[in-house]
Protein backbone atom coordinates (compact mmCIF):
# COMPACT_ATOMS: atom_id res chain seq x y z
CA UNK A 1 108.03 73.53 99.52
CA UNK A 2 110.05 73.30 96.54
CA UNK A 3 111.10 69.66 95.14
CA UNK A 4 114.83 68.84 93.98
CA UNK A 5 113.64 69.96 89.95
CA UNK A 6 111.83 73.03 91.55
CA UNK A 7 112.68 76.15 89.45
CA UNK A 8 113.79 78.93 91.38
CA UNK A 9 111.56 81.58 91.78
CA UNK A 10 110.44 84.97 93.61
CA UNK A 11 106.93 85.12 95.57
CA UNK A 12 105.28 88.81 96.27
CA UNK A 13 103.18 88.83 98.72
CA UNK A 14 101.17 92.37 100.19
CA UNK A 15 100.96 91.89 103.58
CA UNK A 16 99.90 95.21 104.60
CA UNK A 17 98.28 98.51 103.17
CA UNK A 18 98.72 101.91 105.34
CA UNK A 19 97.83 105.58 104.63
CA UNK A 20 100.41 107.89 104.03
CA UNK A 21 100.10 110.67 106.03
CA UNK A 22 103.34 112.47 104.70
CA UNK A 23 101.06 113.02 101.73
CA UNK A 24 98.01 114.57 102.92
CA UNK A 25 99.97 118.10 102.31
CA UNK A 26 101.05 117.33 98.75
CA UNK A 27 97.49 115.88 97.98
CA UNK A 28 96.01 119.29 99.31
CA UNK A 29 98.78 121.46 97.46
CA UNK A 30 97.68 119.55 94.19
CA UNK A 31 94.47 121.32 94.44
CA UNK A 32 95.67 124.56 94.42
CA UNK A 33 95.61 125.86 90.89
CA UNK A 34 92.42 124.15 90.29
CA UNK A 35 90.64 125.99 93.89
CA UNK A 36 92.32 129.61 92.66
CA UNK A 37 90.41 129.79 89.44
CA UNK A 38 86.97 129.14 91.62
CA UNK A 39 85.52 132.70 91.85
CA UNK A 40 82.85 131.99 94.84
CA UNK A 41 84.79 130.45 97.55
CA UNK A 42 88.16 131.34 99.15
CA UNK A 43 90.95 129.08 98.74
CA UNK A 44 90.99 127.67 102.29
CA UNK A 45 87.48 127.09 102.22
CA UNK A 46 87.34 124.92 99.01
CA UNK A 47 90.42 123.11 99.66
CA UNK A 48 88.62 121.94 102.90
CA UNK A 49 85.57 120.69 100.76
CA UNK A 50 87.40 118.81 98.31
CA UNK A 51 88.37 115.28 99.08
CA UNK A 52 92.00 114.49 98.26
CA UNK A 53 93.39 111.15 96.64
CA UNK A 54 93.79 108.73 99.31
CA UNK A 55 97.68 108.17 99.51
CA UNK A 56 98.56 104.69 100.75
CA UNK A 57 102.06 102.83 101.14
CA UNK A 58 101.98 99.10 100.15
CA UNK A 59 104.28 96.72 102.35
CA UNK A 60 105.17 93.63 100.16
CA UNK A 61 107.49 90.52 101.14
CA UNK A 62 109.77 89.08 98.44
CA UNK A 63 110.69 85.68 99.01
CA UNK A 64 112.76 83.58 97.38
CA UNK A 65 113.15 79.74 96.58
CA UNK A 66 115.78 77.55 94.95
CA UNK A 67 116.39 74.00 95.16
CA UNK A 68 120.67 74.22 94.33
CA UNK A 69 123.45 75.41 96.39
CA UNK A 70 123.68 79.45 96.52
CA UNK A 71 120.65 79.85 93.96
CA UNK A 72 118.39 81.49 96.81
CA UNK A 73 121.07 84.02 97.67
CA UNK A 74 122.13 84.78 94.25
CA UNK A 75 118.49 85.60 93.67
CA UNK A 76 117.96 87.44 96.53
CA UNK A 77 120.88 89.51 95.65
CA UNK A 78 120.00 90.36 92.30
CA UNK A 79 116.53 91.30 92.96
CA UNK A 80 118.36 93.69 95.93
CA UNK A 81 120.61 95.21 93.29
CA UNK A 82 117.76 95.58 90.68
CA UNK A 83 115.68 97.45 93.35
CA UNK A 84 118.56 99.65 94.79
CA UNK A 85 118.88 100.83 90.79
CA UNK A 86 115.37 101.41 90.27
CA UNK A 87 114.02 103.15 93.80
CA UNK A 88 111.58 105.05 92.13
CA UNK A 89 109.05 104.22 89.23
CA UNK A 90 108.19 106.42 86.12
CA UNK A 91 104.48 106.83 85.36
CA UNK A 92 106.13 105.49 81.60
CA UNK A 93 107.44 102.51 83.17
CA UNK A 94 104.31 101.50 84.90
CA UNK A 95 102.44 101.82 81.97
CA UNK A 96 104.69 100.02 79.67
CA UNK A 97 104.43 97.36 82.43
CA UNK A 98 100.97 96.88 82.60
CA UNK A 99 100.59 97.16 79.15
CA UNK A 100 103.40 94.09 78.80
CA UNK A 101 101.28 92.02 81.65
CA UNK A 102 98.32 92.39 79.94
CA UNK A 103 99.92 91.39 76.64
CA UNK A 104 101.01 88.29 77.84
CA UNK A 105 97.64 86.78 78.87
CA UNK A 106 94.84 88.09 76.69
CA UNK A 107 92.00 86.61 77.66
CA UNK A 108 92.65 86.97 81.23
CA UNK A 109 90.90 89.47 83.76
CA UNK A 110 93.55 91.37 84.25
CA UNK A 111 94.31 91.90 80.36
CA UNK A 112 90.36 93.14 80.00
CA UNK A 113 90.71 95.03 82.75
CA UNK A 114 93.78 96.87 81.51
CA UNK A 115 91.88 97.42 77.71
CA UNK A 116 88.69 98.90 79.54
CA UNK A 117 91.07 101.51 81.57
CA UNK A 118 92.96 104.92 80.05
CA UNK A 119 96.14 103.48 81.10
CA UNK A 120 97.39 107.22 80.45
CA UNK A 121 95.01 108.99 83.39
CA UNK A 122 95.68 105.88 85.67
CA UNK A 123 99.66 106.28 85.85
CA UNK A 124 99.17 110.03 86.20
CA UNK A 125 97.26 109.71 89.13
CA UNK A 126 99.86 107.86 91.01
CA UNK A 127 102.42 110.53 91.15
CA UNK A 128 106.02 109.42 92.01
CA UNK A 129 106.29 106.00 93.49
CA UNK A 130 109.03 105.00 95.50
CA UNK A 131 110.32 101.49 96.45
CA UNK A 132 112.13 101.51 99.78
CA UNK A 133 113.41 98.30 101.76
CA UNK A 134 112.31 97.70 104.90
CA UNK A 135 114.93 96.21 106.89
CA UNK A 136 113.56 93.96 109.71
CA UNK A 137 115.76 92.16 112.56
CA UNK A 138 115.40 88.94 113.35
CA UNK A 139 112.51 88.97 115.58
CA UNK A 140 110.41 91.63 113.28
CA UNK A 141 110.90 88.83 110.27
CA UNK A 142 110.14 85.88 112.84
CA UNK A 143 106.60 87.71 113.45
CA UNK A 144 105.93 88.25 109.95
CA UNK A 145 106.48 84.65 109.06
CA UNK A 146 104.27 83.90 112.00
CA UNK A 147 101.79 85.80 110.93
CA UNK A 148 101.93 84.58 107.31
CA UNK A 149 101.72 80.78 109.04
CA UNK A 150 104.43 79.56 106.78
CA UNK A 151 108.16 78.46 106.95
CA UNK A 152 110.72 81.03 107.23
CA UNK A 153 111.94 81.52 103.70
CA UNK A 154 114.79 83.83 102.56
CA UNK A 155 113.17 87.30 102.53
CA UNK A 156 113.23 90.99 101.92
CA UNK A 157 110.39 93.74 102.83
CA UNK A 158 109.90 96.50 100.63
CA UNK A 159 107.11 99.31 100.85
CA UNK A 160 106.17 101.18 97.58
CA UNK A 161 104.90 104.68 98.81
CA UNK A 162 102.80 107.63 97.11
CA UNK A 163 100.23 105.27 95.18
CA UNK A 164 97.37 107.34 95.01
CA UNK A 165 93.51 106.08 95.16
CA UNK A 166 91.38 108.65 93.17
CA UNK A 167 92.02 111.98 91.89
CA UNK A 168 91.50 115.50 91.80
CA UNK A 169 88.55 115.15 89.41
CA UNK A 170 86.71 111.89 90.75
CA UNK A 171 84.04 111.46 92.96
CA UNK A 172 85.44 108.58 95.03
């Protein structure tokens, strides 16, 4: 709950991770140039022996809090506008955001993890990241809030697609 003096805020909840089945062919196709240069195997045999990166969809619930009249609605509208204007995240924008977030708290675990990671390689593995709204009806939203065991707040659901785990050269 939020008190009278509470600041307006956004909360982002990851509530589901699912496999992106539509990305299977994209992952396989990305191996084609490397496999063509393999002299001892046919292309189809080589592809079947490779592990394509795991393509996943991340399902988020964005919840808005505010204590003053229309604060929640204005904040929710602003977020919807921003998400509508930026439906695709470029590798450069993701890298810039990760660097900025890590610089805010240099002593935190996230900052340490970013410092020990090659951001260009990490963001290159992601491919194109697309953000789309999941417009739930009242029943679906009610079920989601029941699952979260919380009191309902004005919310939006978004799906972030084409997030890859692993790459062509990893052995994960």
